[in-house]
C-alpha atoms as a PDB file:
ATOM      1  CA  UNK A   1     -63.790 -11.319 125.545  1.00  0.00           C
ATOM      2  CA  UNK A   2     -60.132 -11.629 125.807  1.00  0.00           C
ATOM      3  CA  UNK A   3     -58.423  -9.438 128.205  1.00  0.00           C
ATOM      4  CA  UNK A   4     -56.953  -6.521 126.380  1.00  0.00           C
ATOM      5  CA  UNK A   5     -60.684  -5.723 125.092  1.00  0.00           C
ATOM      6  CA  UNK A   6     -61.935  -6.210 128.645  1.00  0.00           C
ATOM      7  CA  UNK A   7     -59.030  -4.264 129.883  1.00  0.00           C
ATOM      8  CA  UNK A   8     -59.561  -1.614 127.291  1.00  0.00           C
ATOM      9  CA  UNK A   9     -63.302  -1.033 127.802  1.00  0.00           C
ATOM     10  CA  UNK A  10     -62.480  -0.948 131.540  1.00  0.00           C
ATOM     11  CA  UNK A  11     -60.442   1.701 131.177  1.00  0.00           C
ATOM     12  CA  UNK A  12     -62.478   4.011 128.816  1.00  0.00           C
ATOM     13  CA  UNK A  13     -64.413   6.893 131.128  1.00  0.00           C
ATOM     14  CA  UNK A  14     -66.429  10.111 129.934  1.00  0.00           C
ATOM     15  CA  UNK A  15     -64.787  12.996 129.522  1.00  0.00           C
ATOM     16  CA  UNK A  16     -64.922  15.294 132.697  1.00  0.00           C
ATOM     17  CA  UNK A  17     -67.941  18.174 131.999  1.00  0.00           C
ATOM     18  CA  UNK A  18     -65.836  20.595 134.509  1.00  0.00           C
ATOM     19  CA  UNK A  19     -62.779  20.502 132.216  1.00  0.00           C
ATOM     20  CA  UNK A  20     -65.401  21.632 129.216  1.00  0.00           C
ATOM     21  CA  UNK A  21     -66.002  24.688 131.499  1.00  0.00           C
ATOM     22  CA  UNK A  22     -62.580  25.282 132.357  1.00  0.00           C
ATOM     23  CA  UNK A  23     -62.114  25.641 128.739  1.00  0.00           C
ATOM     24  CA  UNK A  24     -65.236  27.655 127.922  1.00  0.00           C
ATOM     25  CA  UNK A  25     -63.898  30.237 130.666  1.00  0.00           C
ATOM     26  CA  UNK A  26     -60.619  30.603 129.092  1.00  0.00           C
ATOM     27  CA  UNK A  27     -62.367  31.321 125.699  1.00  0.00           C
ATOM     28  CA  UNK A  28     -64.384  34.306 127.208  1.00  0.00           C
ATOM     29  CA  UNK A  29     -60.386  35.101 128.214  1.00  0.00           C
ATOM     30  CA  UNK A  30     -58.945  35.233 124.713  1.00  0.00           C
ATOM     31  CA  UNK A  31     -59.059  38.463 122.581  1.00  0.00           C
ATOM     32  CA  UNK A  32     -62.038  37.725 120.659  1.00  0.00           C
ATOM     33  CA  UNK A  33     -65.749  38.303 120.685  1.00  0.00           C
ATOM     34  CA  UNK A  34     -67.368  35.443 122.551  1.00  0.00           C
ATOM     35  CA  UNK A  35     -68.279  32.655 120.559  1.00  0.00           C
ATOM     36  CA  UNK A  36     -66.733  34.349 117.381  1.00  0.00           C
ATOM     37  CA  UNK A  37     -64.529  30.992 116.398  1.00  0.00           C
ATOM     38  CA  UNK A  38     -67.436  29.295 116.106  1.00  0.00           C
ATOM     39  CA  UNK A  39     -67.113  25.724 115.894  1.00  0.00           C
ATOM     40  CA  UNK A  40     -62.975  25.704 116.322  1.00  0.00           C
ATOM     41  CA  UNK A  41     -64.008  26.786 120.083  1.00  0.00           C
ATOM     42  CA  UNK A  42     -66.090  23.640 120.552  1.00  0.00           C
ATOM     43  CA  UNK A  43     -63.238  21.828 118.832  1.00  0.00           C
ATOM     44  CA  UNK A  44     -60.215  23.051 121.216  1.00  0.00           C
ATOM     45  CA  UNK A  45     -62.492  22.731 124.317  1.00  0.00           C
ATOM     46  CA  UNK A  46     -62.916  19.027 123.643  1.00  0.00           C
ATOM     47  CA  UNK A  47     -59.126  18.619 122.996  1.00  0.00           C
ATOM     48  CA  UNK A  48     -58.418  20.064 126.420  1.00  0.00           C
ATOM     49  CA  UNK A  49     -60.926  17.940 128.287  1.00  0.00           C
ATOM     50  CA  UNK A  50     -59.489  14.816 126.109  1.00  0.00           C
ATOM     51  CA  UNK A  51     -56.093  15.673 127.450  1.00  0.00           C
ATOM     52  CA  UNK A  52     -57.182  17.513 130.626  1.00  0.00           C
ATOM     53  CA  UNK A  53     -55.379  20.393 130.132  1.00  0.00           C
ATOM     54  CA  UNK A  54     -55.947  24.232 129.245  1.00  0.00           C
ATOM     55  CA  UNK A  55     -52.576  23.709 126.769  1.00  0.00           C
ATOM     56  CA  UNK A  56     -53.742  20.783 124.458  1.00  0.00           C
ATOM     57  CA  UNK A  57     -51.472  19.719 121.660  1.00  0.00           C
ATOM     58  CA  UNK A  58     -52.174  18.230 118.476  1.00  0.00           C
ATOM     59  CA  UNK A  59     -49.157  18.785 116.431  1.00  0.00           C
ATOM     60  CA  UNK A  60     -48.118  14.631 116.807  1.00  0.00           C
ATOM     61  CA  UNK A  61     -50.912  12.882 114.205  1.00  0.00           C
ATOM     62  CA  UNK A  62     -50.893   9.563 112.881  1.00  0.00           C
ATOM     63  CA  UNK A  63     -53.340   7.831 110.110  1.00  0.00           C
ATOM     64  CA  UNK A  64     -53.737   4.412 110.573  1.00  0.00           C
ATOM     65  CA  UNK A  65     -55.299   2.979 107.246  1.00  0.00           C
ATOM     66  CA  UNK A  66     -56.256  -0.436 107.479  1.00  0.00           C
ATOM     67  CA  UNK A  67     -56.789  -2.844 104.458  1.00  0.00           C
ATOM     68  CA  UNK A  68     -59.040  -5.842 103.972  1.00  0.00           C
ATOM     69  CA  UNK A  69     -61.069  -8.050 101.751  1.00  0.00           C
ATOM     70  CA  UNK A  70     -64.772  -8.705 101.472  1.00  0.00           C
ATOM     71  CA  UNK A  71     -66.486 -12.133 100.650  1.00  0.00           C
ATOM     72  CA  UNK A  72     -69.308 -10.436  99.450  1.00  0.00           C
ATOM     73  CA  UNK A  73     -67.419  -9.184  96.442  1.00  0.00           C
ATOM     74  CA  UNK A  74     -68.627 -12.313  95.301  1.00  0.00           C
ATOM     75  CA  UNK A  75     -72.397 -11.056  94.829  1.00  0.00           C
ATOM     76  CA  UNK A  76     -70.970  -8.365  92.412  1.00  0.00           C
ATOM     77  CA  UNK A  77     -71.272  -5.496  94.469  1.00  0.00           C
ATOM     78  CA  UNK A  78     -68.623  -3.642  93.447  1.00  0.00           C
ATOM     79  CA  UNK A  79     -66.975  -2.060  89.907  1.00  0.00           C
ATOM     80  CA  UNK A  80     -63.560  -3.188  91.086  1.00  0.00           C
ATOM     81  CA  UNK A  81     -62.341  -6.669  91.296  1.00  0.00           C
ATOM     82  CA  UNK A  82     -61.433  -7.683  94.294  1.00  0.00           C
ATOM     83  CA  UNK A  83     -57.597  -7.497  93.389  1.00  0.00           C
ATOM     84  CA  UNK A  84     -57.469  -3.803  93.598  1.00  0.00           C
ATOM     85  CA  UNK A  85     -57.291  -4.023  97.627  1.00  0.00           C
ATOM     86  CA  UNK A  86     -53.933  -5.311  97.177  1.00  0.00           C
ATOM     87  CA  UNK A  87     -53.058  -3.161  94.348  1.00  0.00           C
ATOM     88  CA  UNK A  88     -54.035   0.002  96.244  1.00  0.00           C
ATOM     89  CA  UNK A  89     -51.733  -1.057  99.173  1.00  0.00           C
ATOM     90  CA  UNK A  90     -48.780  -1.453  96.983  1.00  0.00           C
ATOM     91  CA  UNK A  91     -50.072   2.177  95.671  1.00  0.00           C
ATOM     92  CA  UNK A  92     -50.132   3.408  99.447  1.00  0.00           C
ATOM     93  CA  UNK A  93     -46.507   2.121  99.910  1.00  0.00           C
ATOM     94  CA  UNK A  94     -45.512   3.924  96.768  1.00  0.00           C
ATOM     95  CA  UNK A  95     -46.797   7.240  97.987  1.00  0.00           C
ATOM     96  CA  UNK A  96     -49.174   7.819  94.829  1.00  0.00           C
ATOM     97  CA  UNK A  97     -52.573   7.484  96.174  1.00  0.00           C
ATOM     98  CA  UNK A  98     -55.083  10.200  97.317  1.00  0.00           C
ATOM     99  CA  UNK A  99     -54.323   9.690 100.912  1.00  0.00           C
ATOM    100  CA  UNK A 100     -50.504  10.088 100.394  1.00  0.00           C
ATOM    101  CA  UNK A 101     -50.786  13.505  98.468  1.00  0.00           C
ATOM    102  CA  UNK A 102     -53.341  14.866 101.567  1.00  0.00           C
ATOM    103  CA  UNK A 103     -51.370  13.476 104.381  1.00  0.00           C
ATOM    104  CA  UNK A 104     -48.116  15.398 102.840  1.00  0.00           C
ATOM    105  CA  UNK A 105     -50.119  18.624 102.902  1.00  0.00           C
ATOM    106  CA  UNK A 106     -51.283  18.094 106.468  1.00  0.00           C
ATOM    107  CA  UNK A 107     -47.585  16.809 107.750  1.00  0.00           C
ATOM    108  CA  UNK A 108     -49.678  13.549 109.237  1.00  0.00           C
ATOM    109  CA  UNK A 109     -47.568  10.296 109.153  1.00  0.00           C
ATOM    110  CA  UNK A 110     -49.277   7.219 107.312  1.00  0.00           C
ATOM    111  CA  UNK A 111     -49.575   4.010 109.086  1.00  0.00           C
ATOM    112  CA  UNK A 112     -50.792   1.023 106.611  1.00  0.00           C
ATOM    113  CA  UNK A 113     -51.674  -1.985 108.327  1.00  0.00           C
ATOM    114  CA  UNK A 114     -52.861  -5.466 106.086  1.00  0.00           C
ATOM    115  CA  UNK A 115     -55.574  -6.449 108.512  1.00  0.00           C
ATOM    116  CA  UNK A 116     -56.855  -9.375 105.772  1.00  0.00           C
ATOM    117  CA  UNK A 117     -56.030  -8.656 102.064  1.00  0.00           C
ATOM    118  CA  UNK A 118     -57.113 -11.766  99.943  1.00  0.00           C
ATOM    119  CA  UNK A 119     -54.412 -11.332  97.184  1.00  0.00           C
ATOM    120  CA  UNK A 120     -50.619 -11.638  98.547  1.00  0.00           C
ATOM    121  CA  UNK A 121     -48.629  -8.346  99.403  1.00  0.00           C
ATOM    122  CA  UNK A 122     -45.146  -8.477  99.390  1.00  0.00           C
ATOM    123  CA  UNK A 123     -42.970  -7.224 102.655  1.00  0.00           C
ATOM    124  CA  UNK A 124     -42.412  -3.746 101.791  1.00  0.00           C
ATOM    125  CA  UNK A 125     -41.203  -1.158 104.105  1.00  0.00           C
ATOM    126  CA  UNK A 126     -43.937   0.355 105.693  1.00  0.00           C
ATOM    127  CA  UNK A 127     -46.567  -2.140 106.142  1.00  0.00           C
ATOM    128  CA  UNK A 128     -47.884  -3.596 108.987  1.00  0.00           C
ATOM    129  CA  UNK A 129     -48.689  -7.253 107.969  1.00  0.00           C
ATOM    130  CA  UNK A 130     -51.516  -8.463 110.337  1.00  0.00           C
ATOM    131  CA  UNK A 131     -54.164 -10.418 108.216  1.00  0.00           C
ATOM    132  CA  UNK A 132     -56.327 -12.203 110.642  1.00  0.00           C
ATOM    133  CA  UNK A 133     -57.594 -14.406 107.467  1.00  0.00           C
ATOM    134  CA  UNK A 134     -57.400 -13.525 104.129  1.00  0.00           C
ATOM    135  CA  UNK A 135     -60.633 -11.766 103.720  1.00  0.00           C
ATOM    136  CA  UNK A 136     -64.135 -12.287 105.461  1.00  0.00           C
ATOM    137  CA  UNK A 137     -66.416 -14.529 104.294  1.00  0.00           C
ATOM    138  CA  UNK A 138     -69.489 -14.149 101.939  1.00  0.00           C
ATOM    139  CA  UNK A 139     -72.070 -12.850 104.347  1.00  0.00           C
ATOM    140  CA  UNK A 140     -74.937 -13.543 102.392  1.00  0.00           C
ATOM    141  CA  UNK A 141     -73.768 -17.283 102.827  1.00  0.00           C
ATOM    142  CA  UNK A 142     -73.133 -16.919 106.428  1.00  0.00           C
ATOM    143  CA  UNK A 143     -71.333 -15.122 109.139  1.00  0.00           C
ATOM    144  CA  UNK A 144     -68.430 -12.816 107.609  1.00  0.00           C
ATOM    145  CA  UNK A 145     -65.859 -13.785 110.128  1.00  0.00           C
ATOM    146  CA  UNK A 146     -65.888 -16.013 113.834  1.00  0.00           C
ATOM    147  CA  UNK A 147     -66.600 -14.700 116.796  1.00  0.00           C
ATOM    148  CA  UNK A 148     -62.755 -14.959 117.554  1.00  0.00           C
ATOM    149  CA  UNK A 149     -61.550 -13.205 114.236  1.00  0.00           C
ATOM    150  CA  UNK A 150     -63.980 -10.251 114.969  1.00  0.00           C
ATOM    151  CA  UNK A 151     -62.418  -9.932 118.515  1.00  0.00           C
ATOM    152  CA  UNK A 152     -59.276 -10.165 116.960  1.00  0.00           C
ATOM    153  CA  UNK A 153     -59.626  -7.289 114.581  1.00  0.00           C
ATOM    154  CA  UNK A 154     -60.816  -5.064 117.303  1.00  0.00           C
ATOM    155  CA  UNK A 155     -57.726  -6.013 119.601  1.00  0.00           C
ATOM    156  CA  UNK A 156     -55.513  -4.993 116.004  1.00  0.00           C
ATOM    157  CA  UNK A 157     -56.490  -1.494 116.298  1.00  0.00           C
ATOM    158  CA  UNK A 158     -56.573  -1.093 120.058  1.00  0.00           C
ATOM    159  CA  UNK A 159     -52.590  -2.542 119.530  1.00  0.00           C
ATOM    160  CA  UNK A 160     -52.334   0.247 116.620  1.00  0.00           C
ATOM    161  CA  UNK A 161     -53.813   3.146 118.950  1.00  0.00           C
ATOM    162  CA  UNK A 162     -50.797   2.955 120.993  1.00  0.00           C
ATOM    163  CA  UNK A 163     -48.997   5.183 117.908  1.00  0.00           C
ATOM    164  CA  UNK A 164     -47.140   8.365 120.201  1.00  0.00           C
ATOM    165  CA  UNK A 165     -49.764  10.798 119.021  1.00  0.00           C
ATOM    166  CA  UNK A 166     -51.683  13.135 120.161  1.00  0.00           C
ATOM    167  CA  UNK A 167     -54.488  12.613 117.313  1.00  0.00           C
ATOM    168  CA  UNK A 168     -55.505   9.363 115.814  1.00  0.00           C
ATOM    169  CA  UNK A 169     -57.018   9.415 112.243  1.00  0.00           C
ATOM    170  CA  UNK A 170     -58.668   6.202 110.743  1.00  0.00           C
ATOM    171  CA  UNK A 171     -58.830   5.098 107.105  1.00  0.00           C
ATOM    172  CA  UNK A 172     -59.362   1.880 105.142  1.00  0.00           C
ATOM    173  CA  UNK A 173     -59.499   0.187 101.971  1.00  0.00           C
ATOM    174  CA  UNK A 174     -61.360  -2.822 100.845  1.00  0.00           C
ATOM    175  CA  UNK A 175     -63.066  -3.740  97.754  1.00  0.00           C
ATOM    176  CA  UNK A 176     -66.724  -4.269  98.797  1.00  0.00           C
ATOM    177  CA  UNK A 177     -66.578  -2.416 101.972  1.00  0.00           C
ATOM    178  CA  UNK A 178     -69.335   0.219 101.366  1.00  0.00           C
ATOM    179  CA  UNK A 179     -71.833  -3.060 101.380  1.00  0.00           C
ATOM    180  CA  UNK A 180     -70.567  -4.302 104.670  1.00  0.00           C
ATOM    181  CA  UNK A 181     -70.736  -0.501 105.975  1.00  0.00           C
ATOM    182  CA  UNK A 182     -74.255  -0.478 104.579  1.00  0.00           C
ATOM    183  CA  UNK A 183     -75.203  -3.701 106.423  1.00  0.00           C
ATOM    184  CA  UNK A 184     -73.777  -2.505 109.847  1.00  0.00           C
ATOM    185  CA  UNK A 185     -75.817   0.777 109.590  1.00  0.00           C
ATOM    186  CA  UNK A 186     -78.590  -1.335 108.832  1.00  0.00           C
ATOM    187  CA  UNK A 187     -77.902  -3.784 111.645  1.00  0.00           C
ATOM    188  CA  UNK A 188     -77.539  -0.730 114.192  1.00  0.00           C
ATOM    189  CA  UNK A 189     -80.563   1.763 113.421  1.00  0.00           C
ATOM    190  CA  UNK A 190     -83.133  -0.734 112.192  1.00  0.00           C
ATOM    191  CA  UNK A 191     -83.331   0.868 108.911  1.00  0.00           C
ATOM    192  CA  UNK A 192     -84.124  -0.563 105.819  1.00  0.00           C
ATOM    193  CA  UNK A 193     -80.790  -1.738 104.406  1.00  0.00           C
ATOM    194  CA  UNK A 194     -81.523  -0.521 100.548  1.00  0.00           C
ATOM    195  CA  UNK A 195     -82.052   2.714 101.584  1.00  0.00           C
ATOM    196  CA  UNK A 196     -78.415   3.159 103.011  1.00  0.00           C
ATOM    197  CA  UNK A 197     -76.725   1.764 100.457  1.00  0.00           C
ATOM    198  CA  UNK A 198     -74.887   4.041  97.985  1.00  0.00           C
ATOM    199  CA  UNK A 199     -73.055   3.864  94.970  1.00  0.00           C
ATOM    200  CA  UNK A 200     -69.394   3.672  96.726  1.00  0.00           C
ATOM    201  CA  UNK A 201     -66.346   3.388  94.573  1.00  0.00           C
ATOM    202  CA  UNK A 202     -69.067   4.257  91.503  1.00  0.00           C
ATOM    203  CA  UNK A 203     -71.670   1.248  91.045  1.00  0.00           C
ATOM    204  CA  UNK A 204     -73.666   1.813  88.228  1.00  0.00           C
ATOM    205  CA  UNK A 205     -77.246   1.102  88.028  1.00  0.00           C
ATOM    206  CA  UNK A 206     -77.100  -2.603  87.416  1.00  0.00           C
ATOM    207  CA  UNK A 207     -74.215  -3.367  90.182  1.00  0.00           C
ATOM    208  CA  UNK A 208     -76.610  -1.176  92.594  1.00  0.00           C
ATOM    209  CA  UNK A 209     -78.990  -3.684  92.078  1.00  0.00           C
ATOM    210  CA  UNK A 210     -77.028  -6.692  92.927  1.00  0.00           C
ATOM    211  CA  UNK A 211     -75.552  -4.507  96.002  1.00  0.00           C
ATOM    212  CA  UNK A 212     -79.184  -3.577  97.275  1.00  0.00           C
ATOM    213  CA  UNK A 213     -80.145  -7.781  96.835  1.00  0.00           C
ATOM    214  CA  UNK A 214     -76.861  -8.657  98.734  1.00  0.00           C
ATOM    215  CA  UNK A 215     -78.192  -6.561 101.726  1.00  0.00           C
ATOM    216  CA  UNK A 216     -81.759  -7.653 102.021  1.00  0.00           C
ATOM    217  CA  UNK A 217     -80.506 -11.280 101.902  1.00  0.00           C
ATOM    218  CA  UNK A 218     -77.498 -10.842 104.439  1.00  0.00           C
ATOM    219  CA  UNK A 219     -80.415  -8.703 106.792  1.00  0.00           C
ATOM    220  CA  UNK A 220     -82.717 -11.606 106.407  1.00  0.00           C
ATOM    221  CA  UNK A 221     -80.401 -14.125 106.969  1.00  0.00           C
ATOM    222  CA  UNK A 222     -78.468 -12.586 110.128  1.00  0.00           C
ATOM    223  CA  UNK A 223     -81.586 -10.649 111.404  1.00  0.00           C
ATOM    224  CA  UNK A 224     -82.518 -12.948 114.355  1.00  0.00           C
ATOM    225  CA  UNK A 225     -78.841 -13.387 115.747  1.00  0.00           C
ATOM    226  CA  UNK A 226     -77.546  -9.305 115.619  1.00  0.00           C
ATOM    227  CA  UNK A 227     -78.010  -9.139 119.410  1.00  0.00           C
ATOM    228  CA  UNK A 228     -75.145  -6.868 119.895  1.00  0.00           C
ATOM    229  CA  UNK A 229     -72.453  -4.653 117.988  1.00  0.00           C
ATOM    230  CA  UNK A 230     -69.773  -7.692 118.427  1.00  0.00           C
ATOM    231  CA  UNK A 231     -72.582  -9.829 116.752  1.00  0.00           C
ATOM    232  CA  UNK A 232     -73.155  -7.019 114.257  1.00  0.00           C
ATOM    233  CA  UNK A 233     -69.409  -7.233 113.263  1.00  0.00           C
ATOM    234  CA  UNK A 234     -68.601 -10.771 113.077  1.00  0.00           C
ATOM    235  CA  UNK A 235     -71.653 -11.361 110.716  1.00  0.00           C
ATOM    236  CA  UNK A 236     -71.741  -8.460 108.795  1.00  0.00           C
ATOM    237  CA  UNK A 237     -68.101  -6.537 109.037  1.00  0.00           C
ATOM    238  CA  UNK A 238     -64.953  -6.405 107.620  1.00  0.00           C
ATOM    239  CA  UNK A 239     -61.311  -7.205 109.483  1.00  0.00           C
ATOM    240  CA  UNK A 240     -60.436  -3.331 108.330  1.00  0.00           C
ATOM    241  CA  UNK A 241     -63.777  -2.170 110.272  1.00  0.00           C
ATOM    242  CA  UNK A 242     -63.599  -4.234 112.984  1.00  0.00           C
ATOM    243  CA  UNK A 243     -59.659  -2.538 113.526  1.00  0.00           C
ATOM    244  CA  UNK A 244     -60.694   0.858 113.050  1.00  0.00           C
ATOM    245  CA  UNK A 245     -63.640   0.592 116.034  1.00  0.00           C
ATOM    246  CA  UNK A 246     -60.306  -0.881 117.904  1.00  0.00           C
ATOM    247  CA  UNK A 247     -58.406   2.401 117.235  1.00  0.00           C
ATOM    248  CA  UNK A 248     -61.687   4.363 118.473  1.00  0.00           C
ATOM    249  CA  UNK A 249     -61.819   2.437 121.973  1.00  0.00           C
ATOM    250  CA  UNK A 250     -58.077   2.214 122.211  1.00  0.00           C
ATOM    251  CA  UNK A 251     -57.791   6.094 121.799  1.00  0.00           C
ATOM    252  CA  UNK A 252     -60.521   6.679 124.010  1.00  0.00           C
ATOM    253  CA  UNK A 253     -58.914   4.264 126.794  1.00  0.00           C
ATOM    254  CA  UNK A 254     -55.698   6.314 126.063  1.00  0.00           C
ATOM    255  CA  UNK A 255     -57.496   9.795 126.422  1.00  0.00           C
ATOM    256  CA  UNK A 256     -56.520  10.311 122.668  1.00  0.00           C
ATOM    257  CA  UNK A 257     -58.894  12.332 119.951  1.00  0.00           C
ATOM    258  CA  UNK A 258     -59.414   9.857 117.127  1.00  0.00           C
ATOM    259  CA  UNK A 259     -60.410  11.715 113.947  1.00  0.00           C
ATOM    260  CA  UNK A 260     -63.227   9.459 111.621  1.00  0.00           C
ATOM    261  CA  UNK A 261     -63.139   9.493 108.307  1.00  0.00           C
ATOM    262  CA  UNK A 262     -66.176   8.949 106.340  1.00  0.00           C
ATOM    263  CA  UNK A 263     -68.856   6.150 106.135  1.00  0.00           C
ATOM    264  CA  UNK A 264     -66.914   3.052 106.201  1.00  0.00           C
ATOM    265  CA  UNK A 265     -64.960   4.473 109.314  1.00  0.00           C
ATOM    266  CA  UNK A 266     -68.090   6.112 111.220  1.00  0.00           C
ATOM    267  CA  UNK A 267     -69.681   2.408 110.389  1.00  0.00           C
ATOM    268  CA  UNK A 268     -66.662   1.177 112.855  1.00  0.00           C
ATOM    269  CA  UNK A 269     -66.842   4.317 115.180  1.00  0.00           C
ATOM    270  CA  UNK A 270     -70.484   3.446 115.673  1.00  0.00           C
ATOM    271  CA  UNK A 271     -69.556   0.003 116.434  1.00  0.00           C
ATOM    272  CA  UNK A 272     -67.081   0.825 119.082  1.00  0.00           C
ATOM    273  CA  UNK A 273     -69.841   3.406 120.420  1.00  0.00           C
ATOM    274  CA  UNK A 274     -72.487   0.587 120.927  1.00  0.00           C
ATOM    275  CA  UNK A 275     -69.327  -1.069 122.584  1.00  0.00           C
ATOM    276  CA  UNK A 276     -68.811   1.264 125.034  1.00  0.00           C
ATOM    277  CA  UNK A 277     -71.024   4.695 124.745  1.00  0.00           C
ATOM    278  CA  UNK A 278     -68.174   6.959 126.626  1.00  0.00           C
ATOM    279  CA  UNK A 279     -65.683   6.381 123.731  1.00  0.00           C
ATOM    280  CA  UNK A 280     -67.990   8.567 121.182  1.00  0.00           C
ATOM    281  CA  UNK A 281     -66.516  11.453 123.571  1.00  0.00           C
ATOM    282  CA  UNK A 282     -63.085  11.157 121.945  1.00  0.00           C
ATOM    283  CA  UNK A 283     -64.428  10.607 118.317  1.00  0.00           C
ATOM    284  CA  UNK A 284     -64.043  13.684 115.957  1.00  0.00           C
ATOM    285  CA  UNK A 285     -65.690  13.125 112.700  1.00  0.00           C
ATOM    286  CA  UNK A 286     -63.964  14.745 109.826  1.00  0.00           C
ATOM    287  CA  UNK A 287     -66.369  14.890 107.125  1.00  0.00           C
ATOM    288  CA  UNK A 288     -69.737  14.415 105.975  1.00  0.00           C
ATOM    289  CA  UNK A 289     -69.792  11.589 103.215  1.00  0.00           C
ATOM    290  CA  UNK A 290     -72.308  11.658 100.311  1.00  0.00           C
ATOM    291  CA  UNK A 291     -72.923   7.976 100.979  1.00  0.00           C
ATOM    292  CA  UNK A 292     -76.373   7.765 102.524  1.00  0.00           C
ATOM    293  CA  UNK A 293     -75.793   5.704 105.298  1.00  0.00           C
ATOM    294  CA  UNK A 294     -73.629   8.328 106.717  1.00  0.00           C
ATOM    295  CA  UNK A 295     -76.006  10.503 108.600  1.00  0.00           C
ATOM    296  CA  UNK A 296     -77.527   7.878 110.858  1.00  0.00           C
ATOM    297  CA  UNK A 297     -74.626   7.016 111.473  1.00  0.00           C
ATOM    298  CA  UNK A 298     -73.375  10.204 112.792  1.00  0.00           C
ATOM    299  CA  UNK A 299     -76.247  10.303 114.811  1.00  0.00           C
ATOM    300  CA  UNK A 300     -75.046   7.222 116.924  1.00  0.00           C
ATOM    301  CA  UNK A 301     -71.986   8.922 117.559  1.00  0.00           C
ATOM    302  CA  UNK A 302     -73.113  12.169 118.526  1.00  0.00           C
ATOM    303  CA  UNK A 303     -70.970  14.438 116.684  1.00  0.00           C
ATOM    304  CA  UNK A 304     -71.306  16.744 113.579  1.00  0.00           C
ATOM    305  CA  UNK A 305     -68.654  16.616 110.931  1.00  0.00           C
ATOM    306  CA  UNK A 306     -66.225  19.406 110.398  1.00  0.00           C
ATOM    307  CA  UNK A 307     -66.204  19.432 106.885  1.00  0.00           C
ATOM    308  CA  UNK A 308     -68.285  18.971 103.602  1.00  0.00           C
ATOM    309  CA  UNK A 309     -66.741  18.652 100.651  1.00  0.00           C
ATOM    310  CA  UNK A 310     -68.646  15.830  98.661  1.00  0.00           C
ATOM    311  CA  UNK A 311     -66.192  13.234  99.241  1.00  0.00           C
ATOM    312  CA  UNK A 312     -66.438   9.547  99.101  1.00  0.00           C
ATOM    313  CA  UNK A 313     -62.608   8.483  98.415  1.00  0.00           C
ATOM    314  CA  UNK A 314     -62.174   6.892 101.442  1.00  0.00           C
ATOM    315  CA  UNK A 315     -58.263   5.902 102.683  1.00  0.00           C
ATOM    316  CA  UNK A 316     -58.810   8.604 105.686  1.00  0.00           C
ATOM    317  CA  UNK A 317     -58.541  11.168 103.366  1.00  0.00           C
ATOM    318  CA  UNK A 318     -61.097  13.246 105.323  1.00  0.00           C
ATOM    319  CA  UNK A 319     -59.167  12.970 108.364  1.00  0.00           C
ATOM    320  CA  UNK A 320     -56.074  14.389 106.594  1.00  0.00           C
ATOM    321  CA  UNK A 321     -58.140  17.266 105.992  1.00  0.00           C
ATOM    322  CA  UNK A 322     -59.841  17.680 109.141  1.00  0.00           C
ATOM    323  CA  UNK A 323     -56.568  17.299 111.378  1.00  0.00           C
ATOM    324  CA  UNK A 324     -55.159  20.932 110.258  1.00  0.00           C
ATOM    325  CA  UNK A 325     -58.388  22.300 111.020  1.00  0.00           C
ATOM    326  CA  UNK A 326     -58.260  20.596 114.749  1.00  0.00           C
ATOM    327  CA  UNK A 327     -54.509  22.099 115.134  1.00  0.00           C
ATOM    328  CA  UNK A 328     -56.102  25.688 114.478  1.00  0.00           C
ATOM    329  CA  UNK A 329     -58.726  25.548 116.797  1.00  0.00           C
ATOM    330  CA  UNK A 330     -55.793  24.365 119.247  1.00  0.00           C
ATOM    331  CA  UNK A 331     -53.204  27.051 118.203  1.00  0.00           C
ATOM    332  CA  UNK A 332     -55.884  29.614 118.387  1.00  0.00           C
ATOM    333  CA  UNK A 333     -56.955  28.533 122.267  1.00  0.00           C
ATOM    334  CA  UNK A 334     -53.040  28.049 123.252  1.00  0.00           C
ATOM    335  CA  UNK A 335     -51.410  31.168 121.591  1.00  0.00           C
ATOM    336  CA  UNK A 336     -54.035  33.961 121.725  1.00  0.00           C
ATOM    337  CA  UNK A 337     -53.335  36.623 124.216  1.00  0.00           C
ATOM    338  CA  UNK A 338     -55.733  37.184 127.223  1.00  0.00           C
ATOM    339  CA  UNK A 339     -57.595  40.782 127.158  1.00  0.00           C
ATOM    340  CA  UNK A 340     -55.160  41.004 130.119  1.00  0.00           C
ATOM    341  CA  UNK A 341     -52.354  39.797 129.226  1.00  0.00           C
ATOM    342  CA  UNK A 342     -52.657  42.119 125.950  1.00  0.00           C
ATOM    343  CA  UNK A 343     -54.176  45.298 127.755  1.00  0.00           C
ATOM    344  CA  UNK A 344     -57.230  45.245 125.543  1.00  0.00           C
ATOM    345  CA  UNK A 345     -60.776  46.375 127.097  1.00  0.00           C
ATOM    346  CA  UNK A 346     -63.410  43.649 127.252  1.00  0.00           C
ATOM    347  CA  UNK A 347     -66.871  44.047 125.766  1.00  0.00           C
ATOM    348  CA  UNK A 348     -69.090  45.999 128.741  1.00  0.00           C
END
């Protein structure tokens, strides 16, 4: 491992359970029945513990959207051509995509990063160009990337996690990246790769046959070499997946909550947790995806998602919807009066 990744991993420590207890004690003082705000209380308690204060903040939020392409696209696993990745990046920069609309509603900043798009993207205001390569290799024929490229992807995410924000969200764009996420899921969980493959961007039955066949070949090819999360990322992952895992690690090292979008983002988060289990304390899953591989990944990171809206768009859209919920949890925790300050009688 290189210095940045090694130093980041060394800085991550679990949240202090004493801060959770302090936050719970404050919840009992607020003018509401105990537990009446349900999971909002748990979210606020964890934000207090992450920031180590009873006055946590959540007003500044950034979603980092990483785009990259995948060599496995050549296997016909996706209904869209690979050129769509670059076209969608241009759409993000014009403000015309789903994530742009939802980020505006949520008052969340959006940062778009080219982590490895196959097609040229003109230099455009708002685009961070950090392509590690012009897409990964086809993992049905060999490793998706070299070990050095896998580390570079992680370190790209660590660097992007330095944004001055209380909340970091992760999102992605990359044609065929649900295939990569399904392969990672199978490798991390031991599940049959065909059982964790969903329709992604709308694959028809013929496309699903090709997708399942590609996953089976890839796991047969790489199975004996998948000895740890770095090997899983290098052999089966994508540059955007590695970068999102890096944001999870960087956020944890800097004591910032990371809001994880859907299936592909959670595959990245699961890799981060396997690299450093303590990173799980800083992750907040945004929503439950309709992709079948999402549930076992959520088990790895150990948290329930906040929302269940039957979404599967990616891009960080679920994170954009969850961030206002997190802000509401923090606002209730910090803004409500206590029984004593409001001169309200407590329950007997």
